[in-house]
Amino acid sequence: VVRLDGRDLSRDLLGKREPAPRDI
């Protein structure tokens, strides 16, 4: 993920959390 523009949201999904806000 260090090389990517996208984020790994799997922990948010498994933890039932909302992703942190970011510029889209």
PDB file of all heavy atoms in Angstrom:
ATOM      1  N   VAL A   1       0.812  -1.218   0.000  1.00  0.00           N
ATOM      2  CA  VAL A   1       0.000   0.000   0.000  1.00  0.00           C
ATOM      3  C   VAL A   1       0.847   1.269   0.000  1.00  0.00           C
ATOM      4  O   VAL A   1       0.357   2.342  -0.354  1.00  0.00           O
ATOM      5  CB  VAL A   1      -0.975   0.029   1.199  1.00  0.00           C
ATOM      6  CG1 VAL A   1      -2.014  -1.064   1.071  1.00  0.00           C
ATOM      7  CG2 VAL A   1      -0.222  -0.095   2.521  1.00  0.00           C
ATOM      8  N   VAL A   2       2.118   1.159   0.386  1.00  0.00           N
ATOM      9  CA  VAL A   2       2.985   2.337   0.376  1.00  0.00           C
ATOM     10  C   VAL A   2       3.116   2.883  -1.041  1.00  0.00           C
ATOM     11  O   VAL A   2       3.271   4.084  -1.250  1.00  0.00           O
ATOM     12  CB  VAL A   2       4.374   1.977   0.957  1.00  0.00           C
ATOM     13  CG1 VAL A   2       5.335   3.154   0.832  1.00  0.00           C
ATOM     14  CG2 VAL A   2       4.242   1.545   2.411  1.00  0.00           C
ATOM     15  N   ARG A   3       3.038   2.014  -2.029  1.00  0.00           N
ATOM     16  CA  ARG A   3       3.218   2.418  -3.417  1.00  0.00           C
ATOM     17  C   ARG A   3       1.897   2.785  -4.103  1.00  0.00           C
ATOM     18  O   ARG A   3       1.893   3.106  -5.287  1.00  0.00           O
ATOM     19  CB  ARG A   3       3.877   1.283  -4.203  1.00  0.00           C
ATOM     20  CG  ARG A   3       5.253   0.884  -3.677  1.00  0.00           C
ATOM     21  CD  ARG A   3       5.813  -0.259  -4.495  1.00  0.00           C
ATOM     22  NE  ARG A   3       7.126  -0.684  -3.999  1.00  0.00           N
ATOM     23  CZ  ARG A   3       7.805  -1.712  -4.496  1.00  0.00           C
ATOM     24  NH1 ARG A   3       7.301  -2.403  -5.503  1.00  0.00           N
ATOM     25  NH2 ARG A   3       8.990  -2.037  -4.000  1.00  0.00           N
ATOM     26  N   LEU A   4       0.803   2.706  -3.381  1.00  0.00           N
ATOM     27  CA  LEU A   4      -0.512   2.883  -4.002  1.00  0.00           C
ATOM     28  C   LEU A   4      -1.129   4.230  -3.638  1.00  0.00           C
ATOM     29  O   LEU A   4      -0.788   4.855  -2.638  1.00  0.00           O
ATOM     30  CB  LEU A   4      -1.452   1.757  -3.568  1.00  0.00           C
ATOM     31  CG  LEU A   4      -1.002   0.327  -3.888  1.00  0.00           C
ATOM     32  CD1 LEU A   4      -2.078  -0.656  -3.441  1.00  0.00           C
ATOM     33  CD2 LEU A   4      -0.699   0.153  -5.361  1.00  0.00           C
ATOM     34  N   ASP A   5      -2.094   4.633  -4.466  1.00  0.00           N
ATOM     35  CA  ASP A   5      -2.922   5.793  -4.142  1.00  0.00           C
ATOM     36  C   ASP A   5      -4.134   5.363  -3.327  1.00  0.00           C
ATOM     37  O   ASP A   5      -4.647   6.135  -2.512  1.00  0.00           O
ATOM     38  CB  ASP A   5      -3.393   6.476  -5.430  1.00  0.00           C
ATOM     39  CG  ASP A   5      -2.222   7.012  -6.238  1.00  0.00           C
ATOM     40  OD1 ASP A   5      -1.384   7.714  -5.663  1.00  0.00           O
ATOM     41  OD2 ASP A   5      -2.145   6.714  -7.444  1.00  0.00           O
ATOM     42  N   GLY A   6      -4.616   4.156  -3.560  1.00  0.00           N
ATOM     43  CA  GLY A   6      -5.758   3.640  -2.820  1.00  0.00           C
ATOM     44  C   GLY A   6      -5.358   3.150  -1.439  1.00  0.00           C
ATOM     45  O   GLY A   6      -4.190   2.856  -1.164  1.00  0.00           O
ATOM     46  N   ARG A   7      -6.337   3.059  -0.551  1.00  0.00           N
ATOM     47  CA  ARG A   7      -6.106   2.613   0.823  1.00  0.00           C
ATOM     48  C   ARG A   7      -6.669   1.224   1.049  1.00  0.00           C
ATOM     49  O   ARG A   7      -7.696   0.852   0.476  1.00  0.00           O
ATOM     50  CB  ARG A   7      -6.781   3.570   1.802  1.00  0.00           C
ATOM     51  CG  ARG A   7      -6.266   4.979   1.781  1.00  0.00           C
ATOM     52  CD  ARG A   7      -7.054   5.831   2.750  1.00  0.00           C
ATOM     53  NE  ARG A   7      -8.452   5.976   2.350  1.00  0.00           N
ATOM     54  CZ  ARG A   7      -9.415   6.488   3.116  1.00  0.00           C
ATOM     55  NH1 ARG A   7      -9.133   6.859   4.346  1.00  0.00           N
ATOM     56  NH2 ARG A   7     -10.633   6.617   2.660  1.00  0.00           N
ATOM     57  N   ASP A   8      -6.011   0.454   1.901  1.00  0.00           N
ATOM     58  CA  ASP A   8      -6.543  -0.823   2.351  1.00  0.00           C
ATOM     59  C   ASP A   8      -7.550  -0.535   3.466  1.00  0.00           C
ATOM     60  O   ASP A   8      -7.182  -0.116   4.556  1.00  0.00           O
ATOM     61  CB  ASP A   8      -5.398  -1.699   2.852  1.00  0.00           C
ATOM     62  CG  ASP A   8      -5.892  -2.963   3.556  1.00  0.00           C
ATOM     63  OD1 ASP A   8      -7.097  -3.278   3.461  1.00  0.00           O
ATOM     64  OD2 ASP A   8      -5.059  -3.620   4.212  1.00  0.00           O
ATOM     65  N   LEU A   9      -8.824  -0.763   3.173  1.00  0.00           N
ATOM     66  CA  LEU A   9      -9.892  -0.503   4.137  1.00  0.00           C
ATOM     67  C   LEU A   9     -10.329  -1.760   4.889  1.00  0.00           C
ATOM     68  O   LEU A   9     -11.330  -1.731   5.603  1.00  0.00           O
ATOM     69  CB  LEU A   9     -11.107   0.099   3.415  1.00  0.00           C
ATOM     70  CG  LEU A   9     -10.854   1.368   2.600  1.00  0.00           C
ATOM     71  CD1 LEU A   9     -12.139   1.816   1.912  1.00  0.00           C
ATOM     72  CD2 LEU A   9     -10.291   2.480   3.470  1.00  0.00           C
ATOM     73  N   SER A  10      -9.592  -2.851   4.738  1.00  0.00           N
ATOM     74  CA  SER A  10     -10.037  -4.122   5.315  1.00  0.00           C
ATOM     75  C   SER A  10     -10.167  -4.062   6.836  1.00  0.00           C
ATOM     76  O   SER A  10     -11.109  -4.620   7.403  1.00  0.00           O
ATOM     77  CB  SER A  10      -9.083  -5.252   4.907  1.00  0.00           C
ATOM     78  OG  SER A  10      -7.766  -5.026   5.395  1.00  0.00           O
ATOM     79  N   ARG A  11      -9.238  -3.389   7.502  1.00  0.00           N
ATOM     80  CA  ARG A  11      -9.329  -3.309   8.967  1.00  0.00           C
ATOM     81  C   ARG A  11     -10.552  -2.516   9.399  1.00  0.00           C
ATOM     82  O   ARG A  11     -11.191  -2.850  10.411  1.00  0.00           O
ATOM     83  CB  ARG A  11      -8.051  -2.690   9.541  1.00  0.00           C
ATOM     84  CG  ARG A  11      -6.822  -3.574   9.381  1.00  0.00           C
ATOM     85  CD  ARG A  11      -5.610  -2.970  10.065  1.00  0.00           C
ATOM     86  NE  ARG A  11      -4.446  -3.824   9.940  1.00  0.00           N
ATOM     87  CZ  ARG A  11      -3.256  -3.545  10.460  1.00  0.00           C
ATOM     88  NH1 ARG A  11      -3.084  -2.421  11.153  1.00  0.00           N
ATOM     89  NH2 ARG A  11      -2.240  -4.376  10.292  1.00  0.00           N
ATOM     90  N   ASP A  12     -10.865  -1.473   8.653  1.00  0.00           N
ATOM     91  CA  ASP A  12     -12.080  -0.710   8.966  1.00  0.00           C
ATOM     92  C   ASP A  12     -13.320  -1.572   8.779  1.00  0.00           C
ATOM     93  O   ASP A  12     -14.258  -1.508   9.582  1.00  0.00           O
ATOM     94  CB  ASP A  12     -12.173   0.527   8.068  1.00  0.00           C
ATOM     95  CG  ASP A  12     -11.072   1.531   8.356  1.00  0.00           C
ATOM     96  OD1 ASP A  12     -10.728   1.721   9.533  1.00  0.00           O
ATOM     97  OD2 ASP A  12     -10.557   2.130   7.394  1.00  0.00           O
ATOM     98  N   LEU A  13     -13.323  -2.366   7.716  1.00  0.00           N
ATOM     99  CA  LEU A  13     -14.490  -3.209   7.457  1.00  0.00           C
ATOM    100  C   LEU A  13     -14.630  -4.295   8.516  1.00  0.00           C
ATOM    101  O   LEU A  13     -15.725  -4.532   9.033  1.00  0.00           O
ATOM    102  CB  LEU A  13     -14.374  -3.842   6.069  1.00  0.00           C
ATOM    103  CG  LEU A  13     -14.351  -2.878   4.881  1.00  0.00           C
ATOM    104  CD1 LEU A  13     -14.306  -3.648   3.572  1.00  0.00           C
ATOM    105  CD2 LEU A  13     -15.560  -1.952   4.905  1.00  0.00           C
ATOM    106  N   LEU A  14     -13.519  -4.947   8.850  1.00  0.00           N
ATOM    107  CA  LEU A  14     -13.574  -6.010   9.849  1.00  0.00           C
ATOM    108  C   LEU A  14     -13.863  -5.454  11.240  1.00  0.00           C
ATOM    109  O   LEU A  14     -14.502  -6.111  12.061  1.00  0.00           O
ATOM    110  CB  LEU A  14     -12.253  -6.788   9.853  1.00  0.00           C
ATOM    111  CG  LEU A  14     -11.970  -7.585   8.576  1.00  0.00           C
ATOM    112  CD1 LEU A  14     -10.536  -8.099   8.580  1.00  0.00           C
ATOM    113  CD2 LEU A  14     -12.943  -8.746   8.429  1.00  0.00           C
ATOM    114  N   GLY A  15     -13.400  -4.239  11.499  1.00  0.00           N
ATOM    115  CA  GLY A  15     -13.633  -3.607  12.797  1.00  0.00           C
ATOM    116  C   GLY A  15     -14.902  -2.802  12.862  1.00  0.00           C
ATOM    117  O   GLY A  15     -15.160  -2.135  13.874  1.00  0.00           O
ATOM    118  N   LYS A  16     -15.684  -2.807  11.763  1.00  0.00           N
ATOM    119  CA  LYS A  16     -16.953  -2.083  11.686  1.00  0.00           C
ATOM    120  C   LYS A  16     -16.783  -0.590  11.962  1.00  0.00           C
ATOM    121  O   LYS A  16     -17.592   0.034  12.632  1.00  0.00           O
ATOM    122  CB  LYS A  16     -17.969  -2.697  12.666  1.00  0.00           C
ATOM    123  CG  LYS A  16     -18.243  -4.166  12.421  1.00  0.00           C
ATOM    124  CD  LYS A  16     -19.221  -4.720  13.444  1.00  0.00           C
ATOM    125  CE  LYS A  16     -19.405  -6.220  13.263  1.00  0.00           C
ATOM    126  NZ  LYS A  16     -20.311  -6.792  14.272  1.00  0.00           N
ATOM    127  N   ARG A  17     -15.693  -0.022  11.402  1.00  0.00           N
ATOM    128  CA  ARG A  17     -15.432   1.406  11.564  1.00  0.00           C
ATOM    129  C   ARG A  17     -15.625   2.117  10.227  1.00  0.00           C
ATOM    130  O   ARG A  17     -15.507   1.512   9.162  1.00  0.00           O
ATOM    131  CB  ARG A  17     -13.985   1.638  12.033  1.00  0.00           C
ATOM    132  CG  ARG A  17     -13.634   1.020  13.362  1.00  0.00           C
ATOM    133  CD  ARG A  17     -12.218   1.441  13.757  1.00  0.00           C
ATOM    134  NE  ARG A  17     -11.236   0.992  12.781  1.00  0.00           N
ATOM    135  CZ  ARG A  17     -10.558  -0.151  12.870  1.00  0.00           C
ATOM    136  NH1 ARG A  17     -10.777  -0.972  13.885  1.00  0.00           N
ATOM    137  NH2 ARG A  17      -9.666  -0.476  11.941  1.00  0.00           N
ATOM    138  N   GLU A  18     -15.865   3.418  10.307  1.00  0.00           N
ATOM    139  CA  GLU A  18     -15.864   4.245   9.115  1.00  0.00           C
ATOM    140  C   GLU A  18     -14.420   4.568   8.739  1.00  0.00           C
ATOM    141  O   GLU A  18     -13.591   4.822   9.618  1.00  0.00           O
ATOM    142  CB  GLU A  18     -16.624   5.553   9.355  1.00  0.00           C
ATOM    143  CG  GLU A  18     -18.136   5.381   9.452  1.00  0.00           C
ATOM    144  CD  GLU A  18     -18.783   5.124   8.095  1.00  0.00           C
ATOM    145  OE1 GLU A  18     -18.330   5.714   7.087  1.00  0.00           O
ATOM    146  OE2 GLU A  18     -19.734   4.333   8.049  1.00  0.00           O
ATOM    147  N   PRO A  19     -14.077   4.561   7.451  1.00  0.00           N
ATOM    148  CA  PRO A  19     -12.725   4.967   7.058  1.00  0.00           C
ATOM    149  C   PRO A  19     -12.462   6.419   7.444  1.00  0.00           C
ATOM    150  O   PRO A  19     -13.393   7.222   7.546  1.00  0.00           O
ATOM    151  CB  PRO A  19     -12.732   4.796   5.536  1.00  0.00           C
ATOM    152  CG  PRO A  19     -13.883   3.878   5.246  1.00  0.00           C
ATOM    153  CD  PRO A  19     -14.897   4.139   6.310  1.00  0.00           C
ATOM    154  N   ALA A  20     -11.201   6.751   7.643  1.00  0.00           N
ATOM    155  CA  ALA A  20     -10.842   8.141   7.933  1.00  0.00           C
ATOM    156  C   ALA A  20     -11.099   9.005   6.709  1.00  0.00           C
ATOM    157  O   ALA A  20     -10.914   8.563   5.572  1.00  0.00           O
ATOM    158  CB  ALA A  20      -9.379   8.226   8.339  1.00  0.00           C
ATOM    159  N   PRO A  21     -11.529  10.252   6.889  1.00  0.00           N
ATOM    160  CA  PRO A  21     -11.728  11.143   5.744  1.00  0.00           C
ATOM    161  C   PRO A  21     -10.423  11.394   5.007  1.00  0.00           C
ATOM    162  O   PRO A  21      -9.349  11.422   5.612  1.00  0.00           O
ATOM    163  CB  PRO A  21     -12.253  12.437   6.388  1.00  0.00           C
ATOM    164  CG  PRO A  21     -12.756  12.023   7.725  1.00  0.00           C
ATOM    165  CD  PRO A  21     -11.893  10.888   8.163  1.00  0.00           C
ATOM    166  N   ARG A  22     -10.526  11.579   3.710  1.00  0.00           N
ATOM    167  CA  ARG A  22      -9.355  11.931   2.906  1.00  0.00           C
ATOM    168  C   ARG A  22      -9.821  12.606   1.623  1.00  0.00           C
ATOM    169  O   ARG A  22     -10.997  12.515   1.251  1.00  0.00           O
ATOM    170  CB  ARG A  22      -8.523  10.694   2.561  1.00  0.00           C
ATOM    171  CG  ARG A  22      -9.244   9.721   1.651  1.00  0.00           C
ATOM    172  CD  ARG A  22      -8.333   8.646   1.093  1.00  0.00           C
ATOM    173  NE  ARG A  22      -7.354   9.182   0.150  1.00  0.00           N
ATOM    174  CZ  ARG A  22      -6.558   8.410  -0.594  1.00  0.00           C
ATOM    175  NH1 ARG A  22      -6.595   7.091  -0.463  1.00  0.00           N
ATOM    176  NH2 ARG A  22      -5.708   8.932  -1.438  1.00  0.00           N
ATOM    177  N   ASP A  23      -8.909  13.274   0.937  1.00  0.00           N
ATOM    178  CA  ASP A  23      -9.233  13.858  -0.356  1.00  0.00           C
ATOM    179  C   ASP A  23      -9.487  12.744  -1.363  1.00  0.00           C
ATOM    180  O   ASP A  23      -8.779  11.730  -1.382  1.00  0.00           O
ATOM    181  CB  ASP A  23      -8.082  14.728  -0.861  1.00  0.00           C
ATOM    182  CG  ASP A  23      -7.929  16.012  -0.067  1.00  0.00           C
ATOM    183  OD1 ASP A  23      -8.882  16.391   0.625  1.00  0.00           O
ATOM    184  OD2 ASP A  23      -6.852  16.624  -0.134  1.00  0.00           O
ATOM    185  N   ILE A  24     -10.506  12.941  -2.206  1.00  0.00           N
ATOM    186  CA  ILE A  24     -10.817  11.987  -3.272  1.00  0.00           C
ATOM    187  C   ILE A  24     -10.578  12.691  -4.598  1.00  0.00           C
ATOM    188  O   ILE A  24     -11.168  13.733  -4.884  1.00  0.00           O
ATOM    189  CB  ILE A  24     -12.266  11.487  -3.159  1.00  0.00           C
ATOM    190  CG1 ILE A  24     -12.434  10.715  -1.844  1.00  0.00           C
ATOM    191  CG2 ILE A  24     -12.619  10.590  -4.344  1.00  0.00           C
ATOM    192  CD1 ILE A  24     -13.848  10.287  -1.574  1.00  0.00           C
TER     193      ILE A  24
END
